[in-house]
Protein backbone atom coordinates (compact mmCIF):
# COMPACT_ATOMS: atom_id res chain seq x y z
CA UNK A 1 -0.06 -0.13 0.28
CA UNK A 2 1.23 3.46 -0.77
CA UNK A 3 2.37 5.37 2.42
CA UNK A 4 1.05 8.57 0.81
CA UNK A 5 -2.40 7.46 1.14
CA UNK A 6 -2.20 6.54 4.81
CA UNK A 7 -3.33 10.03 6.53
CA UNK A 8 -0.70 10.10 9.76
CA UNK A 9 -1.92 10.43 12.87
CA UNK A 10 -0.40 13.32 14.70
CA UNK A 11 -2.04 15.95 11.59
CA UNK A 12 -5.17 14.11 12.58
CA UNK A 13 -4.63 15.24 16.27
CA UNK A 14 -3.65 18.71 15.32
CA UNK A 15 -6.99 18.98 13.44
CA UNK A 16 -8.78 17.43 16.34
CA UNK A 17 -7.35 20.31 18.87
CA UNK A 18 -8.15 23.10 16.29
CA UNK A 19 -11.58 21.76 16.26
CA UNK A 20 -11.67 20.97 20.03
CA UNK A 21 -10.78 25.39 20.14
CA UNK A 22 -14.41 25.87 18.08
CA UNK A 23 -12.45 26.15 14.57
CA UNK A 24 -15.03 24.83 11.93
CA UNK A 25 -13.75 21.86 9.66
CA UNK A 26 -13.70 24.74 6.49
CA UNK A 27 -10.87 26.96 8.92
CA UNK A 28 -8.86 23.53 9.84
CA UNK A 29 -8.94 22.27 6.23
CA UNK A 30 -7.86 25.79 5.31
CA UNK A 31 -4.96 25.44 7.65
CA UNK A 32 -4.13 22.22 6.55
CA UNK A 33 -4.40 22.68 3.01
CA UNK A 34 -7.01 20.10 2.48
CA UNK A 35 -11.15 19.82 2.10
CA UNK A 36 -13.70 19.91 4.60
CA UNK A 37 -14.49 16.93 3.84
CA UNK A 38 -11.41 15.53 4.53
CA UNK A 39 -11.06 16.87 7.92
CA UNK A 40 -14.43 15.77 8.63
CA UNK A 41 -13.49 11.92 7.16
CA UNK A 42 -10.24 11.64 8.88
CA UNK A 43 -11.53 12.86 12.53
CA UNK A 44 -14.58 10.90 12.39
CA UNK A 45 -12.44 7.26 11.27
CA UNK A 46 -10.59 8.43 14.32
CA UNK A 47 -14.13 8.52 16.47
CA UNK A 48 -13.65 11.65 17.27
CA UNK A 49 -17.27 13.35 18.68
CA UNK A 50 -18.13 15.66 16.00
CA UNK A 51 -20.83 18.80 16.26
CA UNK A 52 -23.87 18.45 14.76
CA UNK A 53 -24.77 20.87 11.81
CA UNK A 54 -26.95 23.50 13.04
CA UNK A 55 -30.48 22.95 11.28
CA UNK A 56 -31.07 25.83 8.64
CA UNK A 57 -34.25 27.91 9.18
CA UNK A 58 -36.58 26.90 5.73
CA UNK A 59 -39.62 27.87 4.84
CA UNK A 60 -41.98 27.32 1.80
CA UNK A 61 -43.69 29.47 -0.32
CA UNK A 62 -45.60 28.63 -3.55
CA UNK A 63 -44.46 24.99 -3.85
CA UNK A 64 -40.32 26.18 -3.36
CA UNK A 65 -38.76 25.70 -0.20
CA UNK A 66 -36.49 28.33 0.96
CA UNK A 67 -33.49 28.37 3.18
CA UNK A 68 -31.43 30.75 5.32
CA UNK A 69 -28.66 31.94 3.27
CA UNK A 70 -25.39 33.52 4.89
CA UNK A 71 -26.58 37.23 4.13
CA UNK A 72 -29.51 36.66 6.25
CA UNK A 73 -32.28 36.29 3.29
CA UNK A 74 -33.89 33.01 2.88
CA UNK A 75 -33.27 31.85 -0.57
CA UNK A 76 -34.69 29.23 -3.12
CA UNK A 77 -32.80 26.19 -2.92
CA UNK A 78 -33.83 25.09 -6.61
CA UNK A 79 -34.15 26.18 -10.21
CA UNK A 80 -33.32 30.08 -10.66
CA UNK A 81 -31.94 30.52 -6.64
CA UNK A 82 -34.30 33.55 -6.00
CA UNK A 83 -35.25 35.08 -2.85
CA UNK A 84 -37.82 34.63 -0.77
CA UNK A 85 -38.79 38.38 -0.38
CA UNK A 86 -38.74 38.86 -4.16
CA UNK A 87 -41.10 35.89 -5.23
CA UNK A 88 -43.30 37.02 -2.54
CA UNK A 89 -43.55 40.67 -4.07
CA UNK A 90 -43.63 39.58 -7.20
CA UNK A 91 -46.61 36.88 -6.85
CA UNK A 92 -48.83 39.71 -4.72
CA UNK A 93 -48.12 42.50 -6.97
CA UNK A 94 -45.73 42.42 -10.57
CA UNK A 95 -42.24 41.47 -11.82
CA UNK A 96 -39.61 44.09 -10.36
CA UNK A 97 -38.43 46.33 -12.68
CA UNK A 98 -34.29 46.13 -13.69
CA UNK A 99 -33.06 48.85 -11.37
CA UNK A 100 -35.50 48.94 -8.52
CA UNK A 101 -35.43 46.54 -5.17
CA UNK A 102 -37.51 45.19 -2.73
CA UNK A 103 -36.93 46.75 0.61
CA UNK A 104 -37.76 45.15 3.85
CA UNK A 105 -39.38 48.36 5.91
CA UNK A 106 -38.73 47.30 9.34
CA UNK A 107 -35.00 45.82 8.20
CA UNK A 108 -35.63 42.44 9.33
CA UNK A 109 -34.64 40.37 6.93
CA UNK A 110 -36.58 37.22 7.76
CA UNK A 111 -40.20 39.12 8.06
CA UNK A 112 -41.56 38.92 4.56
CA UNK A 113 -44.73 39.77 5.10
CA UNK A 114 -46.42 41.58 2.04
CA UNK A 115 -47.43 44.70 4.09
CA UNK A 116 -43.45 44.98 5.36
CA UNK A 117 -42.24 44.97 1.64
CA UNK A 118 -41.99 47.85 -0.99
CA UNK A 119 -40.61 48.48 -3.87
CA UNK A 120 -37.59 51.32 -4.26
CA UNK A 121 -35.27 52.44 -6.37
CA UNK A 122 -31.66 50.52 -5.79
CA UNK A 123 -30.10 54.10 -5.65
CA UNK A 124 -32.37 54.61 -2.90
CA UNK A 125 -32.01 51.40 -1.47
CA UNK A 126 -28.23 51.68 -1.30
CA UNK A 127 -28.55 55.29 0.24
CA UNK A 128 -30.88 53.83 3.17
CA UNK A 129 -28.29 51.12 4.32
CA UNK A 130 -25.90 53.61 4.74
CA UNK A 131 -23.56 52.80 1.94
CA UNK A 132 -23.12 56.41 0.93
CA UNK A 133 -23.40 57.89 4.19
């Protein structure tokens, strides 16, 4: 057997130490120059107790599933990967014109009630969120 195919125990233990310091598998993978999946498999094979992944918030609208994205918005998991607030607006009113955004009035990205959504020009939306203040 090719020795290069057998993961060394010392490196795996170093990965485990990093994991116990609350580093994610992705962070450890980056540090050791391997994939996230490699870190996970090496720790699992050494019978290390791995943290459970947090269950992503999800919502179903119009037969499509939307899950929480890193940016705080709920996004469709299939097809065009659109955002829930935009799909709700278009379902309730009309197609969003080019150059326009949907703004959450109370600034809660997860509050997608129709009465909390308003159509706003992109430049005004950018200004509202302080990118030019």
